[in-house]
């Protein structure tokens, strides 16, 4: 290469000045090589990539794979230019240039791995089986092995000798990379079992996490909480500690509604004929009342019950009738899943009255819509209670005491 500049060098006397001129020429040649690679070859590659219909080459371009390859051009110029120096300088210069090109190769490979991860992320399988953790491990291995190779090149030693020396320090390596090893094993188990996937709704109260999984990496899993904050949890914690994954609920097509309203026990009573007549006007309740009255009349007649006393025999109550009304109401509700658990039940009476619990599933699992369905149901429940002569249990408030004082 330097033969082209012999006419210039012929006028330069031997000594330090000659090396300075060679250095200046070398820098100019490196700059020219980088300019050609960057401004000509890379622009040509960008033109071809943008014209192609595929997406993967655009991702590699965005990740800077081709841009980093261009950094090899100055290294090649320096490598062949080293022959112009003395033998003692030539060997050192070539080792340094080779080390530089090895560093560039490491950067190219790591950016290529990042590009592969991005390409994979565009596939449908990426949500089921993320590979970001594996890619990060591969980048770590490439960096470590590449770093050892670069160091061995600079000191002119075999990299295998350095690697064997590192093998003797396995205990120290295990201690230093303990979290990395734990996270890598956890990543493999998470990927193979599918215990969490990108897009899952995960709750982990001990870390204040409750939201969607947006990233599964080697060291941490990132969760975007409902308030849009981000919580990063070490990957291996998902094997060490408990958490809730709501994916099963989403996939089942139903989301549980489990809520009770406390009924004032003093408002529970047997239904009088006038009340039964009034309640029979409720269309969805009339079949139940007719069937129940026929059943009770037949049973009381068979057992010769004296119905002059209310507690004799069997009679309908406002609480039991209200429970039957809720069953009929919920069965007709368009947002209630009819194929999943369906239950309206009484719980044990306590200091807050008789809890009447609704245990059903909404057929819309989206959070906002689910909350709207649940609220609408209990709006109706609270509004319908007085029609059955029932009262909601509620601790006395300032307004209650004020009315008593008045």
Protein backbone atom coordinates (compact mmCIF):
# COMPACT_ATOMS: atom_id res chain seq x y z
CA UNK A 1 0.00 0.00 0.00
CA UNK A 2 2.76 2.38 0.92
CA UNK A 3 4.31 1.87 -2.52
CA UNK A 4 1.82 4.43 -3.80
CA UNK A 5 3.35 7.04 -1.51
CA UNK A 6 7.01 6.24 -2.22
CA UNK A 7 7.48 9.48 -4.21
CA UNK A 8 6.49 11.42 -1.11
CA UNK A 9 8.47 9.30 1.31
CA UNK A 10 11.58 9.59 -0.92
CA UNK A 11 11.88 13.23 0.13
CA UNK A 12 11.58 12.37 3.83
CA UNK A 13 14.82 11.43 5.60
CA UNK A 14 14.94 8.27 7.68
CA UNK A 15 14.21 8.59 11.35
CA UNK A 16 11.27 9.77 13.48
CA UNK A 17 10.13 12.23 10.82
CA UNK A 18 9.63 9.41 8.33
CA UNK A 19 7.40 7.52 10.78
CA UNK A 20 5.39 10.69 11.41
CA UNK A 21 4.73 11.06 7.69
CA UNK A 22 3.82 7.38 7.40
CA UNK A 23 1.47 7.80 10.34
CA UNK A 24 -0.22 10.78 8.72
CA UNK A 25 -0.59 8.90 5.44
CA UNK A 26 -1.96 5.91 7.34
CA UNK A 27 -4.55 8.05 9.12
CA UNK A 28 -5.61 9.55 5.82
CA UNK A 29 -5.91 6.08 4.26
CA UNK A 30 -7.98 4.85 7.23
CA UNK A 31 -10.28 7.85 6.98
CA UNK A 32 -10.70 7.27 3.25
CA UNK A 33 -11.45 3.55 3.78
CA UNK A 34 -14.03 4.35 6.45
CA UNK A 35 -15.59 7.03 4.26
CA UNK A 36 -15.94 4.61 1.34
CA UNK A 37 -17.37 1.89 3.57
CA UNK A 38 -19.71 4.24 5.42
CA UNK A 39 -20.82 6.64 2.71
CA UNK A 40 -20.74 4.40 -0.32
CA UNK A 41 -21.10 0.73 0.55
CA UNK A 42 -23.37 1.29 3.55
CA UNK A 43 -25.58 3.71 1.58
CA UNK A 44 -25.88 1.07 -1.14
CA UNK A 45 -26.87 -1.53 1.44
CA UNK A 46 -29.45 0.87 2.95
CA UNK A 47 -30.92 1.46 -0.51
CA UNK A 48 -31.26 -2.29 -1.15
CA UNK A 49 -32.71 -2.92 2.32
CA UNK A 50 -35.35 -0.21 2.02
CA UNK A 51 -36.40 -1.49 -1.38
CA UNK A 52 -36.84 -5.08 -0.13
CA UNK A 53 -40.23 -6.29 1.07
CA UNK A 54 -38.85 -8.22 4.04
CA UNK A 55 -38.69 -6.76 7.53
CA UNK A 56 -35.72 -8.66 8.98
CA UNK A 57 -33.09 -6.74 6.99
CA UNK A 58 -34.59 -3.43 8.17
CA UNK A 59 -34.19 -4.62 11.77
CA UNK A 60 -30.54 -5.54 11.19
CA UNK A 61 -29.98 -2.10 9.67
CA UNK A 62 -31.65 -0.39 12.66
CA UNK A 63 -29.50 -2.41 15.06
CA UNK A 64 -26.36 -1.07 13.36
CA UNK A 65 -25.01 -4.45 12.19
CA UNK A 66 -23.90 -3.11 8.80
CA UNK A 67 -22.65 0.12 10.33
CA UNK A 68 -20.33 -1.77 12.68
CA UNK A 69 -19.05 -3.96 9.85
CA UNK A 70 -17.84 -0.73 8.22
CA UNK A 71 -15.52 -0.22 11.19
CA UNK A 72 -13.44 -3.15 9.91
CA UNK A 73 -12.26 -1.15 6.90
CA UNK A 74 -9.75 1.06 8.80
CA UNK A 75 -8.50 -2.06 10.61
CA UNK A 76 -7.74 -3.84 7.36
CA UNK A 77 -5.86 -0.79 6.10
CA UNK A 78 -3.78 -0.62 9.28
CA UNK A 79 -3.10 -4.37 9.22
CA UNK A 80 -1.56 -4.33 5.77
CA UNK A 81 0.16 -1.00 6.35
CA UNK A 82 2.00 -2.46 9.35
CA UNK A 83 4.38 -4.16 6.91
CA UNK A 84 5.92 -0.74 6.21
CA UNK A 85 7.32 -0.57 9.75
CA UNK A 86 10.33 -2.33 11.19
CA UNK A 87 9.90 -5.97 12.14
CA UNK A 88 9.86 -5.15 15.86
CA UNK A 89 7.10 -2.59 15.38
CA UNK A 90 5.27 -4.62 12.74
CA UNK A 91 4.42 -7.52 15.08
CA UNK A 92 3.12 -5.26 17.84
CA UNK A 93 1.14 -3.12 15.41
CA UNK A 94 -0.47 -6.13 13.77
CA UNK A 95 -1.45 -7.60 17.16
CA UNK A 96 -3.07 -4.33 18.16
CA UNK A 97 -4.90 -4.10 14.84
CA UNK A 98 -6.10 -7.71 15.16
CA UNK A 99 -7.30 -6.96 18.69
CA UNK A 100 -9.18 -3.93 17.33
CA UNK A 101 -10.85 -6.05 14.63
CA UNK A 102 -11.76 -8.68 17.24
CA UNK A 103 -13.46 -5.98 19.30
CA UNK A 104 -15.36 -4.84 16.22
CA UNK A 105 -16.33 -8.47 15.52
CA UNK A 106 -17.68 -8.78 19.08
CA UNK A 107 -19.78 -5.64 18.57
CA UNK A 108 -21.05 -6.95 15.23
CA UNK A 109 -22.04 -10.30 16.72
CA UNK A 110 -23.78 -8.73 19.74
CA UNK A 111 -25.74 -6.34 17.53
CA UNK A 112 -26.59 -9.27 15.23
CA UNK A 113 -27.91 -11.20 18.24
CA UNK A 114 -30.00 -8.18 19.24
CA UNK A 115 -31.35 -8.04 15.70
CA UNK A 116 -32.23 -11.75 15.82
CA UNK A 117 -34.09 -11.13 19.08
CA UNK A 118 -36.02 -8.24 17.50
CA UNK A 119 -36.85 -10.33 14.43
CA UNK A 120 -38.10 -13.17 16.62
CA UNK A 121 -40.19 -10.70 18.64
CA UNK A 122 -42.23 -9.93 15.52
CA UNK A 123 -43.41 -13.56 15.27
CA UNK A 124 -46.53 -14.97 16.90
CA UNK A 125 -44.47 -17.50 18.83
CA UNK A 126 -42.50 -14.79 20.67
CA UNK A 127 -45.30 -14.22 23.18
CA UNK A 128 -45.45 -17.92 24.01
CA UNK A 129 -41.69 -18.53 24.12
CA UNK A 130 -39.54 -15.41 24.61
CA UNK A 131 -35.84 -15.82 23.80
CA UNK A 132 -34.53 -12.53 25.13
CA UNK A 133 -32.93 -14.28 28.12
CA UNK A 134 -31.10 -16.74 25.85
CA UNK A 135 -29.92 -13.92 23.60
CA UNK A 136 -28.56 -12.02 26.59
CA UNK A 137 -26.69 -15.13 27.76
CA UNK A 138 -25.27 -15.59 24.26
CA UNK A 139 -24.14 -11.94 24.22
CA UNK A 140 -22.55 -12.38 27.64
CA UNK A 141 -20.66 -15.49 26.47
CA UNK A 142 -19.54 -13.76 23.24
CA UNK A 143 -18.33 -10.75 25.22
CA UNK A 144 -16.45 -12.84 27.81
CA UNK A 145 -14.83 -15.18 25.30
CA UNK A 146 -14.13 -12.29 22.94
CA UNK A 147 -12.59 -10.26 25.76
CA UNK A 148 -10.29 -13.13 26.67
CA UNK A 149 -9.33 -13.55 23.01
CA UNK A 150 -8.58 -9.83 22.67
CA UNK A 151 -6.44 -9.86 25.81
CA UNK A 152 -4.59 -12.97 24.63
CA UNK A 153 -3.92 -11.33 21.27
CA UNK A 154 -2.50 -8.19 22.85
CA UNK A 155 -0.12 -10.08 25.15
CA UNK A 156 0.66 -12.63 22.40
CA UNK A 157 -0.54 -15.65 24.36
CA UNK A 158 -2.79 -18.56 23.46
CA UNK A 159 -6.40 -17.91 24.57
CA UNK A 160 -6.72 -21.58 25.54
CA UNK A 161 -4.12 -21.10 28.24
CA UNK A 162 -6.07 -18.18 29.68
CA UNK A 163 -9.33 -20.15 29.50
CA UNK A 164 -7.76 -23.09 31.35
CA UNK A 165 -6.54 -20.69 34.03
CA UNK A 166 -10.07 -19.34 34.41
CA UNK A 167 -11.33 -22.91 34.81
CA UNK A 168 -9.23 -23.21 37.95
CA UNK A 169 -11.10 -20.21 39.39
CA UNK A 170 -14.53 -21.77 38.89
CA UNK A 171 -15.60 -21.18 42.49
CA UNK A 172 -14.88 -17.46 42.19
CA UNK A 173 -16.70 -17.29 38.85
CA UNK A 174 -19.74 -19.02 40.31
CA UNK A 175 -19.77 -16.53 43.17
CA UNK A 176 -19.40 -13.50 40.89
CA UNK A 177 -22.01 -14.71 38.40
CA UNK A 178 -24.39 -16.26 40.92
CA UNK A 179 -27.33 -14.04 39.99
CA UNK A 180 -26.66 -14.54 36.29
CA UNK A 181 -26.65 -18.32 36.66
CA UNK A 182 -29.82 -18.28 38.76
CA UNK A 183 -31.56 -16.01 36.29
CA UNK A 184 -30.44 -18.11 33.34
CA UNK A 185 -31.80 -21.29 34.90
CA UNK A 186 -35.01 -19.45 35.79
CA UNK A 187 -35.33 -18.16 32.21
CA UNK A 188 -35.06 -21.69 30.85
CA UNK A 189 -37.70 -22.99 33.26
CA UNK A 190 -40.03 -20.05 32.60
CA UNK A 191 -39.68 -20.48 28.83
CA UNK A 192 -40.15 -24.26 28.93
CA UNK A 193 -43.12 -24.28 31.31
CA UNK A 194 -44.77 -21.08 30.10
CA UNK A 195 -45.47 -20.04 33.70
CA UNK A 196 -45.41 -16.39 32.58
CA UNK A 197 -45.55 -14.89 29.11
CA UNK A 198 -45.40 -11.40 27.68
CA UNK A 199 -48.85 -9.87 27.95
CA UNK A 200 -49.91 -11.89 31.03
CA UNK A 201 -51.57 -10.09 33.91
CA UNK A 202 -49.40 -10.90 36.95
CA UNK A 203 -49.80 -9.90 40.59
CA UNK A 204 -46.86 -10.03 43.02
CA UNK A 205 -47.89 -7.96 46.08
CA UNK A 206 -44.57 -8.42 47.90
CA UNK A 207 -42.94 -6.31 45.17
CA UNK A 208 -45.88 -3.97 44.61
CA UNK A 209 -46.42 -5.41 41.14
CA UNK A 210 -49.88 -5.77 39.59
CA UNK A 211 -50.16 -5.41 35.84
CA UNK A 212 -49.06 -6.74 32.45
CA UNK A 213 -45.73 -8.42 31.73
CA UNK A 214 -44.02 -6.27 29.09
CA UNK A 215 -40.56 -7.81 29.04
CA UNK A 216 -38.90 -11.09 30.07
CA UNK A 217 -35.12 -10.72 30.08
CA UNK A 218 -32.21 -12.64 31.56
CA UNK A 219 -31.94 -10.70 34.79
CA UNK A 220 -35.41 -9.29 35.32
CA UNK A 221 -39.06 -9.43 34.37
CA UNK A 222 -40.63 -6.01 33.79
CA UNK A 223 -44.27 -5.48 34.75
CA UNK A 224 -46.25 -2.40 33.77
CA UNK A 225 -48.64 -1.73 36.63
CA UNK A 226 -52.15 -0.39 36.11
CA UNK A 227 -50.98 3.09 37.11
CA UNK A 228 -48.43 2.86 34.25
CA UNK A 229 -45.43 2.56 36.59
CA UNK A 230 -42.88 -0.16 35.87
CA UNK A 231 -41.71 -2.79 38.35
CA UNK A 232 -38.59 -4.85 37.59
CA UNK A 233 -38.41 -8.18 39.43
CA UNK A 234 -35.39 -10.56 39.30
CA UNK A 235 -36.27 -13.45 37.01
CA UNK A 236 -35.41 -16.15 39.55
CA UNK A 237 -37.90 -14.67 42.04
CA UNK A 238 -40.70 -16.13 39.92
CA UNK A 239 -39.43 -19.57 40.92
CA UNK A 240 -38.57 -18.72 44.53
CA UNK A 241 -41.70 -16.82 45.55
CA UNK A 242 -45.44 -16.97 44.97
CA UNK A 243 -47.30 -14.85 42.45
CA UNK A 244 -50.67 -14.85 40.68
CA UNK A 245 -50.96 -15.17 36.92
CA UNK A 246 -54.45 -14.24 35.69
CA UNK A 247 -53.95 -15.78 32.27
CA UNK A 248 -56.21 -18.72 33.13
CA UNK A 249 -59.03 -16.32 33.86
CA UNK A 250 -58.53 -14.53 30.54
CA UNK A 251 -58.36 -17.77 28.57
CA UNK A 252 -61.43 -19.23 30.27
CA UNK A 253 -63.59 -16.37 29.03
CA UNK A 254 -65.01 -15.65 32.49
CA UNK A 255 -64.02 -13.40 35.37
CA UNK A 256 -65.29 -14.09 38.86
CA UNK A 257 -67.72 -11.84 40.66
CA UNK A 258 -67.66 -12.69 44.37
CA UNK A 259 -69.29 -10.08 46.54
CA UNK A 260 -71.79 -10.09 49.37
CA UNK A 261 -74.27 -7.56 50.69
CA UNK A 262 -75.15 -7.61 54.41
CA UNK A 263 -78.89 -7.90 55.17
CA UNK A 264 -80.28 -6.46 58.40
CA UNK A 265 -81.55 -9.57 60.27
CA UNK A 266 -84.43 -7.64 61.83
CA UNK A 267 -85.90 -7.08 58.35
CA UNK A 268 -86.23 -10.81 57.57
CA UNK A 269 -89.81 -12.12 57.96
CA UNK A 270 -92.46 -14.48 56.57
CA UNK A 271 -94.33 -13.17 53.56
CA UNK A 272 -97.96 -12.22 54.01
CA UNK A 273 -100.57 -12.89 51.28
CA UNK A 274 -100.63 -9.22 50.30
CA UNK A 275 -96.86 -9.23 49.87
CA UNK A 276 -97.00 -12.44 47.82
CA UNK A 277 -99.61 -10.89 45.56
CA UNK A 278 -97.46 -7.80 45.08
CA UNK A 279 -94.29 -9.82 44.41
CA UNK A 280 -96.14 -12.04 41.94
CA UNK A 281 -96.31 -9.04 39.64
CA UNK A 282 -92.54 -9.37 39.09
CA UNK A 283 -92.47 -11.26 35.81
CA UNK A 284 -89.26 -13.26 36.32
CA UNK A 285 -90.32 -14.14 39.89
CA UNK A 286 -93.94 -15.21 39.28
CA UNK A 287 -93.11 -18.79 38.11
CA UNK A 288 -91.05 -19.35 41.24
CA UNK A 289 -93.78 -18.03 43.56
CA UNK A 290 -96.49 -20.14 41.90
CA UNK A 291 -94.40 -23.32 42.06
CA UNK A 292 -93.25 -22.65 45.61
CA UNK A 293 -96.79 -21.94 46.90
CA UNK A 294 -98.04 -25.16 45.33
CA UNK A 295 -95.17 -27.13 46.85
CA UNK A 296 -95.65 -25.65 50.35
CA UNK A 297 -99.43 -25.98 50.30
CA UNK A 298 -99.16 -29.67 49.37
CA UNK A 299 -96.56 -30.33 52.07
CA UNK A 300 -98.49 -28.49 54.79
CA UNK A 301 -101.72 -30.25 53.84
CA UNK A 302 -100.02 -33.65 53.87
CA UNK A 303 -98.68 -33.01 57.37
CA UNK A 304 -101.88 -31.39 58.68
CA UNK A 305 -100.15 -28.15 59.58
CA UNK A 306 -102.07 -25.53 61.56
CA UNK A 307 -101.36 -22.42 59.49
CA UNK A 308 -102.91 -20.08 62.04
CA UNK A 309 -99.48 -19.88 63.63
CA UNK A 310 -96.84 -18.56 61.21
CA UNK A 311 -93.99 -20.72 62.45
CA UNK A 312 -95.91 -23.94 61.91
CA UNK A 313 -95.03 -25.83 58.76
CA UNK A 314 -93.22 -24.26 55.86
CA UNK A 315 -93.72 -20.71 54.61
CA UNK A 316 -92.03 -18.37 52.19
CA UNK A 317 -89.74 -15.65 53.52
CA UNK A 318 -88.78 -12.36 51.97
CA UNK A 319 -85.07 -13.26 52.12
CA UNK A 320 -85.52 -16.64 50.42
CA UNK A 321 -87.75 -15.08 47.76
CA UNK A 322 -85.24 -12.32 47.16
CA UNK A 323 -82.51 -14.93 46.72
CA UNK A 324 -84.68 -16.73 44.13
CA UNK A 325 -85.26 -13.39 42.41
CA UNK A 326 -81.51 -12.79 42.14
CA UNK A 327 -81.00 -16.24 40.61
CA UNK A 328 -83.65 -15.51 37.97
CA UNK A 329 -82.28 -12.01 37.37
CA UNK A 330 -78.68 -13.16 36.92
CA UNK A 331 -79.66 -16.06 34.64
CA UNK A 332 -81.19 -13.52 32.28
CA UNK A 333 -78.27 -11.11 32.52
CA UNK A 334 -76.44 -10.97 29.15
CA UNK A 335 -73.04 -10.41 30.78
CA UNK A 336 -73.08 -13.44 33.08
CA UNK A 337 -71.32 -16.63 31.95
CA UNK A 338 -73.89 -19.42 32.00
CA UNK A 339 -71.42 -22.32 31.75
CA UNK A 340 -69.33 -21.45 34.82
CA UNK A 341 -70.02 -21.57 38.55
CA UNK A 342 -73.33 -19.86 39.31
CA UNK A 343 -74.29 -19.37 42.94
CA UNK A 344 -76.37 -17.05 45.11
CA UNK A 345 -76.03 -18.09 48.74
CA UNK A 346 -76.33 -17.04 52.37
CA UNK A 347 -73.22 -16.92 54.51
CA UNK A 348 -73.11 -17.29 58.27
CA UNK A 349 -74.88 -14.45 60.12
CA UNK A 350 -72.58 -12.16 62.02
CA UNK A 351 -72.16 -8.74 63.55
CA UNK A 352 -72.82 -7.17 60.14
CA UNK A 353 -76.08 -8.97 59.41
CA UNK A 354 -76.78 -11.90 57.09
CA UNK A 355 -74.36 -11.80 54.12
CA UNK A 356 -76.07 -12.65 50.83
CA UNK A 357 -73.29 -13.52 48.42
CA UNK A 358 -73.32 -13.53 44.65
CA UNK A 359 -70.74 -15.92 43.21
CA UNK A 360 -70.89 -15.86 39.39
CA UNK A 361 -68.61 -15.14 36.42
CA UNK A 362 -68.77 -12.26 33.99
CA UNK A 363 -68.33 -13.27 30.35
CA UNK A 364 -66.29 -10.11 29.73
CA UNK A 365 -62.83 -10.34 31.31
CA UNK A 366 -61.71 -6.80 30.42
CA UNK A 367 -61.14 -4.85 33.61
CA UNK A 368 -63.22 -1.74 32.88
CA UNK A 369 -66.14 -3.72 31.43
CA UNK A 370 -65.98 -6.25 34.27
CA UNK A 371 -66.16 -3.53 36.91
CA UNK A 372 -69.12 -1.96 35.08
CA UNK A 373 -70.99 -5.29 35.04
CA UNK A 374 -70.30 -5.88 38.73
CA UNK A 375 -71.38 -2.37 39.68
CA UNK A 376 -74.59 -2.57 37.64
CA UNK A 377 -75.56 -5.84 39.33
CA UNK A 378 -75.11 -4.49 42.83
CA UNK A 379 -76.80 -1.20 41.96
CA UNK A 380 -79.81 -3.32 41.08
CA UNK A 381 -79.48 -5.49 44.19
CA UNK A 382 -79.41 -2.51 46.55
CA UNK A 383 -82.32 -0.86 44.75
CA UNK A 384 -84.48 -4.03 44.77
CA UNK A 385 -83.99 -4.90 48.46
CA UNK A 386 -86.67 -2.50 49.86
CA UNK A 387 -89.25 -3.97 47.45
CA UNK A 388 -88.90 -7.24 49.36
CA UNK A 389 -89.12 -5.56 52.74
CA UNK A 390 -85.40 -6.04 53.38
CA UNK A 391 -82.87 -3.53 54.64
CA UNK A 392 -79.13 -3.36 54.09
CA UNK A 393 -77.13 -3.59 57.30
CA UNK A 394 -75.22 -0.40 57.92
CA UNK A 395 -73.52 0.92 61.01
CA UNK A 396 -75.15 4.06 62.44
CA UNK A 397 -73.87 7.29 60.98
CA UNK A 398 -74.00 10.86 62.20
CA UNK A 399 -77.23 11.38 60.22
CA UNK A 400 -78.89 8.46 62.11
CA UNK A 401 -78.05 9.92 65.50
CA UNK A 402 -79.17 13.35 64.37
CA UNK A 403 -82.58 11.98 63.30
CA UNK A 404 -82.96 10.21 66.66
CA UNK A 405 -82.12 13.40 68.55
CA UNK A 406 -84.69 15.30 66.53
